[in-house]
Protein backbone atom coordinates (compact mmCIF):
# COMPACT_ATOMS: atom_id res chain seq x y z
CA UNK A 1 9.13 -30.39 12.77
CA UNK A 2 9.36 -26.59 14.26
CA UNK A 3 11.18 -25.51 10.75
CA UNK A 4 7.83 -27.18 8.88
CA UNK A 5 6.04 -24.38 9.03
CA UNK A 6 8.50 -22.31 6.74
CA UNK A 7 9.28 -25.33 4.54
CA UNK A 8 5.30 -24.81 3.99
CA UNK A 9 5.64 -21.59 2.66
CA UNK A 10 8.53 -23.05 0.04
CA UNK A 11 5.77 -25.80 -0.61
CA UNK A 12 2.72 -23.03 -0.99
CA UNK A 13 5.11 -21.28 -3.43
CA UNK A 14 5.62 -23.97 -5.59
CA UNK A 15 2.02 -25.10 -6.03
CA UNK A 16 1.20 -21.48 -7.03
CA UNK A 17 4.08 -21.39 -9.36
CA UNK A 18 3.43 -24.95 -10.90
CA UNK A 19 -0.58 -24.09 -11.22
CA UNK A 20 0.58 -20.48 -13.01
CA UNK A 21 2.27 -22.95 -15.47
CA UNK A 22 -0.18 -25.41 -16.09
CA UNK A 23 -3.44 -23.61 -16.18
CA UNK A 24 -2.23 -21.25 -18.94
CA UNK A 25 -1.91 -23.96 -21.30
CA UNK A 26 -5.28 -25.49 -19.62
CA UNK A 27 -7.22 -22.19 -20.55
CA UNK A 28 -5.97 -22.05 -24.04
CA UNK A 29 -7.21 -25.41 -24.19
CA UNK A 30 -10.75 -25.06 -22.97
CA UNK A 31 -11.12 -22.15 -25.26
CA UNK A 32 -9.81 -24.15 -27.97
CA UNK A 33 -12.39 -26.86 -27.66
CA UNK A 34 -15.31 -24.47 -26.98
CA UNK A 35 -14.10 -22.35 -29.85
CA UNK A 36 -14.18 -19.15 -28.34
CA UNK A 37 -13.11 -16.50 -30.15
CA UNK A 38 -11.51 -14.23 -27.64
CA UNK A 39 -8.98 -17.01 -27.53
CA UNK A 40 -6.99 -15.32 -30.15
CA UNK A 41 -6.60 -12.54 -28.06
CA UNK A 42 -5.10 -14.10 -24.52
CA UNK A 43 -3.78 -17.48 -25.69
CA UNK A 44 -0.32 -16.01 -26.39
CA UNK A 45 -0.10 -14.09 -23.41
CA UNK A 46 -1.70 -17.26 -21.35
CA UNK A 47 0.88 -19.95 -22.92
CA UNK A 48 3.77 -17.49 -21.93
CA UNK A 49 3.47 -18.60 -18.44
CA UNK A 50 4.80 -22.00 -19.23
CA UNK A 51 8.12 -20.29 -18.41
CA UNK A 52 7.50 -21.03 -14.85
CA UNK A 53 7.99 -24.69 -15.72
CA UNK A 54 11.64 -24.49 -15.34
CA UNK A 55 11.15 -22.67 -11.95
CA UNK A 56 8.51 -25.07 -10.66
CA UNK A 57 10.97 -28.13 -11.31
CA UNK A 58 13.75 -26.58 -9.59
CA UNK A 59 11.19 -26.03 -6.58
CA UNK A 60 10.01 -29.54 -6.88
CA UNK A 61 13.57 -31.09 -6.63
CA UNK A 62 14.57 -28.78 -3.65
CA UNK A 63 11.30 -30.19 -1.82
CA UNK A 64 11.89 -33.35 -2.58
CA UNK A 65 15.49 -33.52 -1.59
CA UNK A 66 14.92 -32.00 1.75
CA UNK A 67 12.55 -34.74 2.56
CA UNK A 68 11.58 -34.76 6.07
CA UNK A 69 11.42 -30.93 6.16
CA UNK A 70 8.96 -31.17 3.52
CA UNK A 71 6.84 -34.05 4.80
CA UNK A 72 6.89 -34.36 8.50
CA UNK A 73 5.24 -37.62 8.38
CA UNK A 74 8.40 -38.98 7.11
CA UNK A 75 10.45 -38.47 10.27
CA UNK A 76 7.87 -39.76 12.27
CA UNK A 77 7.42 -42.87 10.28
CA UNK A 78 11.58 -43.23 10.56
CA UNK A 79 11.83 -42.38 14.11
CA UNK A 80 8.56 -44.60 15.69
CA UNK A 81 8.97 -47.60 13.30
CA UNK A 82 5.04 -46.61 11.95
CA UNK A 83 3.92 -48.57 8.99
CA UNK A 84 2.51 -46.54 6.41
CA UNK A 85 0.51 -47.39 3.23
CA UNK A 86 2.45 -48.13 -0.05
CA UNK A 87 1.68 -44.51 -0.93
CA UNK A 88 3.61 -43.06 1.48
CA UNK A 89 6.88 -44.72 0.23
CA UNK A 90 9.17 -42.03 -0.47
CA UNK A 91 11.22 -43.47 -3.43
CA UNK A 92 7.81 -44.41 -5.13
CA UNK A 93 6.87 -40.27 -4.23
CA UNK A 94 9.71 -38.93 -5.41
CA UNK A 95 9.64 -41.13 -8.70
CA UNK A 96 5.97 -40.34 -9.28
CA UNK A 97 6.30 -36.80 -8.99
CA UNK A 98 9.59 -36.11 -11.07
CA UNK A 99 7.85 -38.36 -13.84
CA UNK A 100 4.56 -37.03 -13.87
CA UNK A 101 5.64 -33.90 -13.74
CA UNK A 102 8.21 -34.17 -16.95
CA UNK A 103 5.35 -35.92 -19.18
CA UNK A 104 2.65 -33.39 -18.45
CA UNK A 105 5.41 -30.38 -18.95
CA UNK A 106 6.58 -32.22 -22.13
CA UNK A 107 2.86 -32.74 -23.25
CA UNK A 108 1.89 -28.83 -22.27
CA UNK A 109 4.79 -27.86 -24.43
CA UNK A 110 3.95 -29.87 -27.15
CA UNK A 111 0.27 -27.87 -27.29
CA UNK A 112 2.13 -24.60 -27.06
CA UNK A 113 4.11 -25.62 -30.43
CA UNK A 114 0.98 -26.78 -32.29
CA UNK A 115 -0.84 -23.72 -31.14
CA UNK A 116 2.05 -21.59 -32.75
CA UNK A 117 2.06 -23.83 -35.81
CA UNK A 118 -1.63 -23.38 -36.25
CA UNK A 119 -1.20 -19.28 -36.37
CA UNK A 120 1.18 -20.07 -39.52
CA UNK A 121 -0.27 -22.90 -41.07
CA UNK A 122 -3.69 -22.57 -41.56
CA UNK A 123 -4.06 -26.18 -43.42
CA UNK A 124 -6.61 -28.55 -41.68
CA UNK A 125 -3.63 -31.00 -40.85
CA UNK A 126 -2.23 -28.21 -38.42
CA UNK A 127 -5.90 -27.36 -37.24
CA UNK A 128 -6.77 -31.04 -36.46
CA UNK A 129 -3.35 -31.58 -34.36
CA UNK A 130 -4.00 -28.57 -32.24
CA UNK A 131 -7.52 -29.74 -31.77
CA UNK A 132 -6.54 -33.55 -30.87
CA UNK A 133 -4.08 -31.93 -28.32
CA UNK A 134 -6.34 -29.73 -26.86
CA UNK A 135 -8.66 -32.60 -25.97
CA UNK A 136 -5.79 -34.48 -24.20
CA UNK A 137 -4.74 -31.11 -21.76
CA UNK A 138 -7.61 -31.77 -19.33
CA UNK A 139 -7.20 -35.22 -19.22
CA UNK A 140 -3.53 -34.80 -18.14
CA UNK A 141 -4.48 -31.86 -15.96
CA UNK A 142 -6.94 -33.58 -13.83
CA UNK A 143 -5.05 -36.96 -13.21
CA UNK A 144 -1.80 -34.88 -12.81
CA UNK A 145 -3.15 -32.25 -10.41
CA UNK A 146 -5.09 -34.64 -8.36
CA UNK A 147 -1.38 -36.45 -7.59
CA UNK A 148 -0.24 -33.31 -6.38
CA UNK A 149 -2.94 -32.68 -4.27
CA UNK A 150 -2.78 -36.09 -2.75
CA UNK A 151 1.25 -35.80 -2.26
CA UNK A 152 1.65 -32.23 -1.31
CA UNK A 153 -1.90 -31.65 0.74
CA UNK A 154 -4.04 -34.35 1.86
CA UNK A 155 -2.06 -37.10 2.73
CA UNK A 156 0.51 -34.69 4.52
CA UNK A 157 -1.74 -35.91 7.70
CA UNK A 158 -1.52 -39.92 7.07
CA UNK A 159 -4.97 -41.50 7.47
CA UNK A 160 -6.88 -38.74 6.52
CA UNK A 161 -8.86 -39.03 3.36
CA UNK A 162 -11.32 -37.14 1.12
CA UNK A 163 -12.71 -38.72 -1.94
CA UNK A 164 -13.18 -35.26 -3.74
CA UNK A 165 -10.10 -33.47 -2.48
CA UNK A 166 -8.21 -33.61 -5.83
CA UNK A 167 -11.12 -31.69 -7.61
CA UNK A 168 -11.21 -29.49 -4.91
CA UNK A 169 -7.52 -28.74 -5.08
CA UNK A 170 -7.27 -28.52 -9.07
CA UNK A 171 -10.87 -26.50 -9.31
CA UNK A 172 -9.22 -24.15 -6.51
CA UNK A 173 -5.92 -23.22 -8.51
CA UNK A 174 -7.63 -23.01 -12.03
CA UNK A 175 -9.93 -20.18 -9.94
CA UNK A 176 -6.56 -18.54 -8.90
CA UNK A 177 -4.95 -18.58 -12.05
CA UNK A 178 -8.07 -16.91 -13.91
CA UNK A 179 -7.73 -14.22 -10.95
CA UNK A 180 -4.31 -13.91 -11.76
CA UNK A 181 -4.30 -13.78 -15.41
CA UNK A 182 -7.02 -10.86 -15.12
CA UNK A 183 -4.64 -9.18 -12.84
CA UNK A 184 -1.73 -9.66 -14.97
CA UNK A 185 -3.55 -8.55 -18.32
CA UNK A 186 -5.02 -5.39 -16.59
CA UNK A 187 -1.45 -4.06 -15.50
CA UNK A 188 -0.12 -5.11 -18.71
CA UNK A 189 -2.69 -3.25 -20.60
CA UNK A 190 -1.84 -0.38 -18.26
CA UNK A 191 1.55 -0.33 -19.10
CA UNK A 192 1.32 0.57 -22.56
CA UNK A 193 3.84 -2.33 -23.40
CA UNK A 194 1.24 -4.73 -24.99
CA UNK A 195 2.06 -4.99 -28.63
CA UNK A 196 -1.63 -6.05 -29.46
CA UNK A 197 -4.01 -4.02 -27.12
CA UNK A 198 -6.97 -5.95 -25.47
CA UNK A 199 -10.50 -5.32 -26.33
CA UNK A 200 -12.84 -4.36 -23.09
CA UNK A 201 -14.80 -7.87 -23.27
CA UNK A 202 -11.54 -10.01 -22.62
CA UNK A 203 -11.93 -9.04 -18.97
CA UNK A 204 -15.59 -9.50 -18.65
CA UNK A 205 -15.24 -12.78 -20.00
CA UNK A 206 -12.43 -13.34 -17.36
CA UNK A 207 -14.75 -12.15 -14.70
CA UNK A 208 -17.77 -14.25 -15.58
CA UNK A 209 -15.41 -17.48 -15.13
CA UNK A 210 -13.94 -16.31 -11.93
CA UNK A 211 -17.65 -16.05 -10.54
CA UNK A 212 -18.76 -19.57 -11.79
CA UNK A 213 -15.20 -21.19 -10.53
CA UNK A 214 -15.85 -18.75 -6.88
CA UNK A 215 -19.50 -20.99 -6.80
CA UNK A 216 -17.71 -24.27 -8.02
CA UNK A 217 -14.92 -23.98 -5.45
CA UNK A 218 -17.44 -23.16 -2.44
CA UNK A 219 -19.45 -26.10 -3.75
CA UNK A 220 -16.54 -28.46 -3.54
CA UNK A 221 -15.39 -26.97 -0.36
CA UNK A 222 -18.56 -27.99 1.77
CA UNK A 223 -18.99 -31.08 0.00
CA UNK A 224 -16.17 -32.38 1.86
CA UNK A 225 -17.22 -30.41 5.19
CA UNK A 226 -20.67 -31.71 4.81
CA UNK A 227 -19.88 -35.26 4.46
CA UNK A 228 -17.31 -35.57 7.25
CA UNK A 229 -19.93 -33.53 9.76
CA UNK A 230 -23.15 -35.10 8.93
CA UNK A 231 -21.60 -38.46 8.43
CA UNK A 232 -20.24 -38.26 11.93
CA UNK A 233 -16.71 -39.06 11.03
CA UNK A 234 -14.48 -37.17 13.89
CA UNK A 235 -10.88 -38.37 12.55
CA UNK A 236 -11.86 -36.56 9.32
CA UNK A 237 -13.38 -33.46 11.01
CA UNK A 238 -10.60 -32.99 13.27
CA UNK A 239 -8.46 -31.46 10.80
CA UNK A 240 -11.05 -29.11 10.00
CA UNK A 241 -11.91 -27.75 13.12
CA UNK A 242 -8.06 -27.47 14.06
CA UNK A 243 -7.85 -25.45 11.04
CA UNK A 244 -11.07 -23.52 11.12
CA UNK A 245 -11.39 -22.92 14.99
CA UNK A 246 -7.85 -23.07 16.37
CA UNK A 247 -4.68 -22.23 15.36
CA UNK A 248 -5.28 -21.18 11.60
CA UNK A 249 -8.97 -19.71 12.21
CA UNK A 250 -7.45 -16.18 11.04
CA UNK A 251 -6.07 -17.82 8.00
CA UNK A 252 -9.17 -19.82 7.22
CA UNK A 253 -11.94 -17.08 7.62
CA UNK A 254 -9.47 -14.74 5.37
CA UNK A 255 -8.95 -17.03 2.42
CA UNK A 256 -12.94 -18.11 2.51
CA UNK A 257 -13.61 -14.48 2.78
CA UNK A 258 -11.67 -13.32 -0.42
CA UNK A 259 -12.23 -16.24 -2.01
CA UNK A 260 -16.14 -16.83 -1.91
CA UNK A 261 -17.64 -13.92 0.05
CA UNK A 262 -15.93 -10.99 -1.65
CA UNK A 263 -16.03 -12.12 -5.39
CA UNK A 264 -19.40 -13.85 -5.07
CA UNK A 265 -21.24 -10.68 -3.72
CA UNK A 266 -19.03 -8.38 -6.08
CA UNK A 267 -19.50 -10.32 -9.20
CA UNK A 268 -23.36 -10.86 -8.54
CA UNK A 269 -23.62 -7.19 -10.17
CA UNK A 270 -23.21 -7.36 -13.98
CA UNK A 271 -21.58 -3.57 -14.06
CA UNK A 272 -18.85 -5.08 -11.39
CA UNK A 273 -18.07 -7.78 -14.35
CA UNK A 274 -17.32 -4.84 -16.50
CA UNK A 275 -14.90 -2.79 -14.61
CA UNK A 276 -11.39 -3.60 -14.79
CA UNK A 277 -10.58 -1.94 -11.89
CA UNK A 278 -12.96 -3.99 -9.96
CA UNK A 279 -11.93 -7.32 -11.49
CA UNK A 280 -8.44 -6.68 -10.50
CA UNK A 281 -9.11 -5.89 -6.82
CA UNK A 282 -11.21 -8.82 -6.63
CA UNK A 283 -9.00 -11.24 -8.43
CA UNK A 284 -5.78 -9.95 -6.17
CA UNK A 285 -7.63 -11.30 -3.20
CA UNK A 286 -8.58 -14.60 -4.60
CA UNK A 287 -4.74 -14.86 -5.59
CA UNK A 288 -3.80 -13.90 -2.06
CA UNK A 289 -6.77 -16.30 -0.70
CA UNK A 290 -5.60 -19.18 -2.51
CA UNK A 291 -1.86 -19.00 -1.10
CA UNK A 292 -3.35 -18.76 2.31
CA UNK A 293 -5.86 -21.36 1.38
CA UNK A 294 -2.84 -23.95 -0.03
CA UNK A 295 -0.78 -22.97 3.19
CA UNK A 296 -3.24 -23.55 5.77
CA UNK A 297 -3.68 -27.00 4.44
CA UNK A 298 -0.25 -27.69 4.22
CA UNK A 299 1.07 -26.19 7.30
CA UNK A 300 -2.34 -27.57 8.90
CA UNK A 301 -1.61 -30.86 8.90
CA UNK A 302 0.72 -31.54 11.67
CA UNK A 303 0.03 -31.01 15.63
CA UNK A 304 -1.30 -27.47 16.45
CA UNK A 305 1.38 -26.56 18.82
CA UNK A 306 3.60 -26.72 15.79
CA UNK A 307 1.39 -24.48 13.85
CA UNK A 308 3.66 -21.55 12.06
CA UNK A 309 1.85 -18.26 10.88
CA UNK A 310 3.57 -17.54 7.40
CA UNK A 311 5.46 -14.62 6.81
CA UNK A 312 6.95 -14.65 10.55
CA UNK A 313 10.30 -15.67 9.52
CA UNK A 314 13.18 -14.33 7.57
CA UNK A 315 13.10 -17.80 5.73
CA UNK A 316 9.29 -17.10 4.55
CA UNK A 317 9.93 -13.46 3.63
CA UNK A 318 13.24 -14.30 1.55
CA UNK A 319 12.24 -17.44 0.00
CA UNK A 320 8.71 -16.13 -1.23
CA UNK A 321 10.60 -12.72 -2.58
CA UNK A 322 13.50 -14.74 -4.59
CA UNK A 323 10.56 -17.09 -6.06
CA UNK A 324 8.62 -13.91 -7.07
CA UNK A 325 11.82 -12.30 -8.77
CA UNK A 326 12.99 -15.40 -10.52
CA UNK A 327 9.20 -15.95 -11.79
CA UNK A 328 8.73 -12.25 -12.83
CA UNK A 329 12.47 -12.67 -14.47
CA UNK A 330 11.03 -15.98 -16.47
CA UNK A 331 7.83 -14.49 -17.81
CA UNK A 332 9.29 -10.90 -18.66
CA UNK A 333 11.52 -13.10 -20.62
CA UNK A 334 8.92 -15.43 -22.33
CA UNK A 335 7.04 -12.19 -23.38
CA UNK A 336 9.78 -10.20 -24.87
CA UNK A 337 10.96 -13.26 -26.88
CA UNK A 338 7.82 -13.74 -28.38
CA UNK A 339 7.12 -10.15 -29.07
CA UNK A 340 4.02 -9.92 -27.09
CA UNK A 341 5.71 -6.73 -25.10
CA UNK A 342 7.81 -4.01 -26.07
CA UNK A 343 11.17 -3.68 -24.65
């Protein structure tokens, strides 16, 4: 149990990598369905992040292989003979995570293939194939992200349940993706390596979406909290109180500040939504805040005496730097392979 805090860092890294891969394709599908003309500037760059799927899959296998280190309730159940729901059956958990990952990764890969074909084939059939699979992507993302939210965050504390946790989780991660993508595009543009320069309005559109998802994320967070507080459900509210006011209070207030207060205050002003530097600074805060948010929910699911501040152990730092390095090389390879950046 003492090592759970460090393994929570690896779980958090896995979730971040996974959602960068998922949401690049999701953004393209949403822009395709909305017939947004700016999709042509960003869609190749967005799906280049799908190169992170293999990285996410390896991290998933490591987490599942380490069972008790990743899911502390598993050791507790085996030692004390406690009865857990069928959802906590570990064989079922491993099976559903691997199978669903492969199905979703395959479907998202098919979208990338059809998107590429639509660029070189202007026939109605090619465009129709892309449209049809674009319609499927959100319907795959929502249940799969809900599954991930339940297994790696919500049910980490057996018996704790929120009907809206899945929505809260996948909206939060798409919010983080928009922020990351804005930062990603900013530095690619400033590096001078982009083969096709981006028009200024692309950053403005991303800022507007970030603003909208800032509000939506905040709404979903407090939807859960208010139900537990107003309904006087102490068992459910305890998890919030432990994180917000006790061991992880500093982390909670940090991610709430950089995910809501800062972006909401900044993007209220139109000028800031047209300023790439401001957008990048705010976006960087959202990415950091989402990492802290994921970690707080995961690591904060155990008794407070086992709370572990992130990056206070060598394991935390080494593992995170390794994940960043591997992910960077994977994305750079993808960008170079498809001729999106100059070598």
